[in-house]
Each structure stands twice: as C-alpha cells, then as structure tokens.
Amino acid sequence: MDAVLHALSDESRRTMLEMLRDHPATVNELAAALPIARPGVSRHLRVLREAGLVEVRQDAQWRTYSLRPEPLAELDEWLGRYRALWQRRMDALHAEIARGKQQRKAEQ
C-alpha cells in the first residue's frame, strides 16, 4: 500500500489515472494532456506500473496503458475505517448544531 500512496502523491500521476479511468491510452496521448515532456510521462508511468495501478500492453510499436483498480479498492478498504471515524464525528457535530439551534429558539 505504501507504493500506491507514493504513486498517488503526485498530481501528474493522479491526472494520468483519471484519464485511464475512462479508457486505455498510449504514452503520447497521456503526454499530450500533461505539461511535462514525454520522458517525464514515462517515468511517472513506471511508478504507476510498479505500484500495480496500471498495466501495459504492447500493440506493435505502441504501448497502451490501462488502469488496474484493484490497488485502489485495497486502499479504499483501508480508508474505510477512517471514513467511519469521521462519519461518527460529523454526525456528532450535526447533532450538536441542531441542539444549539433548538436552544436558541427556546430562548427567544
């Protein structure tokens, strides 16, 4: 999971994953959407590949990259425990705000 978090820490890599969420793409297609040179795109793709977030398929002279969602599902499962914690806190905050509104109405 550390490799996935590291891969997601970069905005360019997140942008690539967003693009690949919709459809597979070549390095050139990804590079056209980013303000970095093609060698930089290739380096970012290597990080994503090593984290297991993308897979590559060789089509003649082209390499086509596609998203592998499994590592993101694992990350989502891990984050779920924290999401539940925050949901309980948000519910408590909502209840406190509602109680404060009721008290203000009663005081009027």
N, C-alpha and C. Protein backbone atom coordinates (compact mmCIF):
# COMPACT_ATOMS: atom_id res chain seq x y z
N MET A 1 0.82 -1.19 0.00
CA MET A 1 0.00 0.00 0.00
C MET A 1 0.87 1.26 0.00
N ASP A 2 2.08 1.18 0.54
CA ASP A 2 2.96 2.34 0.53
C ASP A 2 3.27 2.80 -0.89
N ALA A 3 3.48 1.84 -1.79
CA ALA A 3 3.78 2.19 -3.19
C ALA A 3 2.58 2.89 -3.83
N VAL A 4 1.38 2.46 -3.49
CA VAL A 4 0.18 3.08 -4.05
C VAL A 4 0.05 4.51 -3.52
N LEU A 5 0.24 4.70 -2.23
CA LEU A 5 0.17 6.05 -1.66
C LEU A 5 1.22 6.96 -2.26
N HIS A 6 2.43 6.43 -2.44
CA HIS A 6 3.50 7.22 -3.06
C HIS A 6 3.11 7.60 -4.49
N ALA A 7 2.58 6.65 -5.23
CA ALA A 7 2.19 6.93 -6.62
C ALA A 7 1.09 7.98 -6.68
N LEU A 8 0.16 7.94 -5.75
CA LEU A 8 -0.94 8.89 -5.74
C LEU A 8 -0.55 10.27 -5.22
N SER A 9 0.64 10.38 -4.66
CA SER A 9 1.06 11.65 -4.08
C SER A 9 1.40 12.71 -5.13
N ASP A 10 1.54 12.30 -6.37
CA ASP A 10 1.92 13.24 -7.43
C ASP A 10 0.72 13.60 -8.29
N GLU A 11 0.54 14.91 -8.52
CA GLU A 11 -0.61 15.38 -9.29
C GLU A 11 -0.62 14.85 -10.73
N SER A 12 0.55 14.78 -11.36
CA SER A 12 0.60 14.27 -12.74
C SER A 12 0.17 12.82 -12.80
N ARG A 13 0.58 12.03 -11.83
CA ARG A 13 0.18 10.62 -11.82
C ARG A 13 -1.31 10.48 -11.56
N ARG A 14 -1.87 11.33 -10.69
CA ARG A 14 -3.31 11.30 -10.47
C ARG A 14 -4.06 11.68 -11.74
N THR A 15 -3.54 12.65 -12.48
CA THR A 15 -4.16 13.05 -13.74
C THR A 15 -4.15 11.89 -14.73
N MET A 16 -3.04 11.19 -14.80
CA MET A 16 -2.96 10.02 -15.69
C MET A 16 -3.99 8.97 -15.31
N LEU A 17 -4.13 8.71 -14.01
CA LEU A 17 -5.12 7.72 -13.57
C LEU A 17 -6.54 8.17 -13.93
N GLU A 18 -6.81 9.46 -13.81
CA GLU A 18 -8.12 9.98 -14.19
C GLU A 18 -8.39 9.70 -15.67
N MET A 19 -7.38 9.95 -16.49
CA MET A 19 -7.53 9.69 -17.93
C MET A 19 -7.74 8.20 -18.20
N LEU A 20 -6.97 7.38 -17.54
CA LEU A 20 -7.04 5.94 -17.76
C LEU A 20 -8.32 5.33 -17.18
N ARG A 21 -8.96 6.04 -16.28
CA ARG A 21 -10.23 5.56 -15.73
C ARG A 21 -11.28 5.44 -16.84
N ASP A 22 -11.22 6.36 -17.79
CA ASP A 22 -12.21 6.38 -18.87
C ASP A 22 -11.88 5.41 -20.00
N HIS A 23 -10.60 5.28 -20.32
CA HIS A 23 -10.20 4.39 -21.42
C HIS A 23 -8.68 4.23 -21.42
N PRO A 24 -8.18 3.12 -21.98
CA PRO A 24 -6.74 2.94 -22.12
C PRO A 24 -6.15 4.05 -22.99
N ALA A 25 -4.86 4.32 -22.81
CA ALA A 25 -4.20 5.39 -23.58
C ALA A 25 -2.74 5.05 -23.80
N THR A 26 -2.19 5.63 -24.84
CA THR A 26 -0.76 5.48 -25.13
C THR A 26 0.02 6.56 -24.37
N VAL A 27 1.32 6.41 -24.35
CA VAL A 27 2.18 7.41 -23.71
C VAL A 27 1.98 8.76 -24.38
N ASN A 28 1.89 8.77 -25.69
CA ASN A 28 1.71 10.04 -26.41
C ASN A 28 0.39 10.71 -26.05
N GLU A 29 -0.67 9.93 -25.92
CA GLU A 29 -1.97 10.50 -25.53
C GLU A 29 -1.91 11.10 -24.13
N LEU A 30 -1.24 10.40 -23.23
CA LEU A 30 -1.10 10.91 -21.86
C LEU A 30 -0.22 12.16 -21.84
N ALA A 31 0.87 12.13 -22.60
CA ALA A 31 1.79 13.26 -22.64
C ALA A 31 1.12 14.51 -23.20
N ALA A 32 0.21 14.33 -24.15
CA ALA A 32 -0.48 15.48 -24.75
C ALA A 32 -1.34 16.22 -23.73
N ALA A 33 -1.78 15.52 -22.69
CA ALA A 33 -2.67 16.13 -21.70
C ALA A 33 -1.92 16.71 -20.50
N LEU A 34 -0.61 16.53 -20.46
CA LEU A 34 0.17 16.98 -19.31
C LEU A 34 1.22 18.01 -19.71
N PRO A 35 1.55 18.92 -18.80
CA PRO A 35 2.56 19.94 -19.11
C PRO A 35 3.99 19.46 -18.84
N ILE A 36 4.26 18.18 -19.11
CA ILE A 36 5.60 17.65 -18.92
C ILE A 36 6.03 16.91 -20.18
N ALA A 37 7.34 16.76 -20.33
CA ALA A 37 7.89 16.09 -21.51
C ALA A 37 7.59 14.59 -21.47
N ARG A 38 7.64 13.98 -22.64
CA ARG A 38 7.34 12.55 -22.76
C ARG A 38 8.22 11.68 -21.86
N PRO A 39 9.54 11.96 -21.71
CA PRO A 39 10.33 11.14 -20.79
C PRO A 39 9.81 11.21 -19.35
N GLY A 40 9.32 12.37 -18.94
CA GLY A 40 8.74 12.50 -17.61
C GLY A 40 7.48 11.67 -17.46
N VAL A 41 6.67 11.66 -18.51
CA VAL A 41 5.45 10.84 -18.50
C VAL A 41 5.83 9.37 -18.36
N SER A 42 6.86 8.95 -19.08
CA SER A 42 7.31 7.55 -18.99
C SER A 42 7.78 7.21 -17.58
N ARG A 43 8.47 8.13 -16.93
CA ARG A 43 8.92 7.89 -15.55
C ARG A 43 7.72 7.77 -14.61
N HIS A 44 6.73 8.63 -14.78
CA HIS A 44 5.53 8.55 -13.95
C HIS A 44 4.79 7.24 -14.19
N LEU A 45 4.72 6.82 -15.43
CA LEU A 45 4.06 5.54 -15.74
C LEU A 45 4.78 4.37 -15.11
N ARG A 46 6.10 4.45 -15.04
CA ARG A 46 6.87 3.39 -14.39
C ARG A 46 6.48 3.30 -12.90
N VAL A 47 6.35 4.44 -12.24
CA VAL A 47 5.94 4.46 -10.83
C VAL A 47 4.54 3.85 -10.68
N LEU A 48 3.63 4.23 -11.55
CA LEU A 48 2.27 3.68 -11.51
C LEU A 48 2.26 2.18 -11.77
N ARG A 49 3.09 1.75 -12.71
CA ARG A 49 3.18 0.31 -13.03
C ARG A 49 3.75 -0.47 -11.85
N GLU A 50 4.81 0.06 -11.23
CA GLU A 50 5.43 -0.63 -10.09
C GLU A 50 4.49 -0.69 -8.89
N ALA A 51 3.59 0.29 -8.77
CA ALA A 51 2.60 0.28 -7.69
C ALA A 51 1.41 -0.62 -8.02
N GLY A 52 1.38 -1.15 -9.24
CA GLY A 52 0.30 -2.04 -9.66
C GLY A 52 -0.96 -1.31 -10.09
N LEU A 53 -0.86 0.00 -10.28
CA LEU A 53 -2.04 0.80 -10.64
C LEU A 53 -2.35 0.80 -12.13
N VAL A 54 -1.36 0.50 -12.96
CA VAL A 54 -1.59 0.42 -14.40
C VAL A 54 -0.92 -0.84 -14.94
N GLU A 55 -1.43 -1.28 -16.08
CA GLU A 55 -0.78 -2.37 -16.79
C GLU A 55 -0.55 -1.90 -18.21
N VAL A 56 0.45 -2.48 -18.85
CA VAL A 56 0.81 -2.06 -20.20
C VAL A 56 0.64 -3.23 -21.15
N ARG A 57 0.16 -2.92 -22.35
CA ARG A 57 0.00 -3.91 -23.42
C ARG A 57 0.74 -3.39 -24.63
N GLN A 58 1.56 -4.22 -25.23
CA GLN A 58 2.32 -3.86 -26.42
C GLN A 58 1.49 -4.15 -27.65
N ASP A 59 1.20 -3.11 -28.44
CA ASP A 59 0.49 -3.24 -29.70
C ASP A 59 1.41 -2.72 -30.80
N ALA A 60 2.11 -3.64 -31.47
CA ALA A 60 3.10 -3.26 -32.49
C ALA A 60 4.12 -2.32 -31.85
N GLN A 61 4.26 -1.10 -32.34
CA GLN A 61 5.25 -0.18 -31.78
C GLN A 61 4.66 0.66 -30.64
N TRP A 62 3.38 0.49 -30.34
CA TRP A 62 2.72 1.30 -29.32
C TRP A 62 2.56 0.53 -28.02
N ARG A 63 2.70 1.25 -26.93
CA ARG A 63 2.40 0.69 -25.61
C ARG A 63 1.12 1.36 -25.13
N THR A 64 0.14 0.54 -24.81
CA THR A 64 -1.14 1.05 -24.34
C THR A 64 -1.27 0.75 -22.86
N TYR A 65 -1.56 1.78 -22.08
CA TYR A 65 -1.69 1.65 -20.63
C TYR A 65 -3.16 1.64 -20.25
N SER A 66 -3.49 0.83 -19.26
CA SER A 66 -4.85 0.79 -18.74
C SER A 66 -4.82 0.73 -17.22
N LEU A 67 -5.88 1.18 -16.62
CA LEU A 67 -6.00 1.25 -15.16
C LEU A 67 -6.24 -0.14 -14.58
N ARG A 68 -5.58 -0.41 -13.47
CA ARG A 68 -5.84 -1.61 -12.66
C ARG A 68 -6.47 -1.12 -11.35
N PRO A 69 -7.77 -1.27 -11.16
CA PRO A 69 -8.43 -0.69 -10.00
C PRO A 69 -8.23 -1.45 -8.68
N GLU A 70 -7.70 -2.66 -8.73
CA GLU A 70 -7.58 -3.47 -7.52
C GLU A 70 -6.80 -2.78 -6.40
N PRO A 71 -5.64 -2.17 -6.68
CA PRO A 71 -4.93 -1.49 -5.58
C PRO A 71 -5.73 -0.33 -4.99
N LEU A 72 -6.53 0.32 -5.80
CA LEU A 72 -7.37 1.42 -5.29
C LEU A 72 -8.47 0.86 -4.38
N ALA A 73 -8.99 -0.31 -4.71
CA ALA A 73 -10.01 -0.94 -3.86
C ALA A 73 -9.41 -1.31 -2.51
N GLU A 74 -8.17 -1.79 -2.50
CA GLU A 74 -7.50 -2.12 -1.24
C GLU A 74 -7.30 -0.86 -0.41
N LEU A 75 -6.90 0.22 -1.05
CA LEU A 75 -6.71 1.49 -0.36
C LEU A 75 -8.04 1.99 0.19
N ASP A 76 -9.11 1.88 -0.60
CA ASP A 76 -10.43 2.31 -0.16
C ASP A 76 -10.88 1.51 1.06
N GLU A 77 -10.60 0.22 1.07
CA GLU A 77 -10.95 -0.62 2.22
C GLU A 77 -10.21 -0.14 3.47
N TRP A 78 -8.94 0.16 3.34
CA TRP A 78 -8.14 0.65 4.46
C TRP A 78 -8.67 2.00 4.94
N LEU A 79 -8.99 2.89 4.01
CA LEU A 79 -9.51 4.21 4.36
C LEU A 79 -10.90 4.13 4.97
N GLY A 80 -11.62 3.05 4.68
CA GLY A 80 -12.97 2.89 5.21
C GLY A 80 -13.04 2.98 6.72
N ARG A 81 -12.03 2.48 7.40
CA ARG A 81 -12.01 2.56 8.87
C ARG A 81 -11.95 4.01 9.32
N TYR A 82 -11.19 4.82 8.63
CA TYR A 82 -11.07 6.24 8.98
C TYR A 82 -12.31 7.01 8.54
N ARG A 83 -12.89 6.59 7.44
CA ARG A 83 -14.12 7.22 6.96
C ARG A 83 -15.22 7.04 8.00
N ALA A 84 -15.31 5.86 8.60
CA ALA A 84 -16.31 5.60 9.63
C ALA A 84 -16.07 6.49 10.84
N LEU A 85 -14.82 6.68 11.23
CA LEU A 85 -14.48 7.55 12.34
C LEU A 85 -14.95 8.97 12.06
N TRP A 86 -14.64 9.48 10.87
CA TRP A 86 -15.04 10.84 10.52
C TRP A 86 -16.55 10.96 10.41
N GLN A 87 -17.22 9.93 9.94
CA GLN A 87 -18.68 9.97 9.83
C GLN A 87 -19.30 10.11 11.22
N ARG A 88 -18.79 9.37 12.21
CA ARG A 88 -19.30 9.48 13.58
C ARG A 88 -19.08 10.89 14.10
N ARG A 89 -17.92 11.46 13.81
CA ARG A 89 -17.64 12.82 14.27
C ARG A 89 -18.54 13.84 13.58
N MET A 90 -18.77 13.65 12.30
CA MET A 90 -19.65 14.57 11.58
C MET A 90 -21.09 14.44 12.09
N ASP A 91 -21.52 13.23 12.39
CA ASP A 91 -22.87 13.02 12.95
C ASP A 91 -23.00 13.72 14.30
N ALA A 92 -21.96 13.62 15.14
CA ALA A 92 -21.98 14.29 16.45
C ALA A 92 -22.01 15.80 16.28
N LEU A 93 -21.25 16.32 15.32
CA LEU A 93 -21.26 17.76 15.05
C LEU A 93 -22.64 18.20 14.59
N HIS A 94 -23.24 17.45 13.71
CA HIS A 94 -24.58 17.77 13.22
C HIS A 94 -25.58 17.80 14.38
N ALA A 95 -25.50 16.81 15.25
CA ALA A 95 -26.41 16.75 16.41
C ALA A 95 -26.19 17.96 17.32
N GLU A 96 -24.95 18.35 17.53
CA GLU A 96 -24.64 19.50 18.37
C GLU A 96 -25.17 20.79 17.76
N ILE A 97 -25.03 20.95 16.48
CA ILE A 97 -25.56 22.14 15.80
C ILE A 97 -27.07 22.19 15.91
N ALA A 98 -27.73 21.07 15.70
CA ALA A 98 -29.19 21.01 15.81
C ALA A 98 -29.64 21.33 17.23
N ARG A 99 -28.92 20.83 18.22
CA ARG A 99 -29.26 21.11 19.62
C ARG A 99 -29.10 22.60 19.92
N GLY A 100 -28.03 23.20 19.40
CA GLY A 100 -27.82 24.64 19.61
C GLY A 100 -28.92 25.47 18.99
N LYS A 101 -29.39 25.09 17.81
CA LYS A 101 -30.49 25.80 17.15
C LYS A 101 -31.76 25.69 18.00
N GLN A 102 -32.03 24.51 18.53
CA GLN A 102 -33.22 24.32 19.36
C GLN A 102 -33.14 25.18 20.62
N GLN A 103 -31.96 25.26 21.22
CA GLN A 103 -31.78 26.07 22.43
C GLN A 103 -32.01 27.55 22.12
N ARG A 104 -31.52 28.02 20.99
CA ARG A 104 -31.69 29.43 20.63
C ARG A 104 -33.18 29.74 20.39
N LYS A 105 -33.90 28.82 19.77
CA LYS A 105 -35.33 29.01 19.55
C LYS A 105 -36.08 29.05 20.89
N ALA A 106 -35.70 28.17 21.82
CA ALA A 106 -36.36 28.11 23.13
C ALA A 106 -36.08 29.39 23.93
N GLU A 107 -34.94 30.00 23.75
CA GLU A 107 -34.57 31.23 24.48
C GLU A 107 -35.27 32.46 23.93
N GLN A 108 -35.80 32.40 22.75
CA GLN A 108 -36.45 33.58 22.12
C GLN A 108 -37.83 33.82 22.62
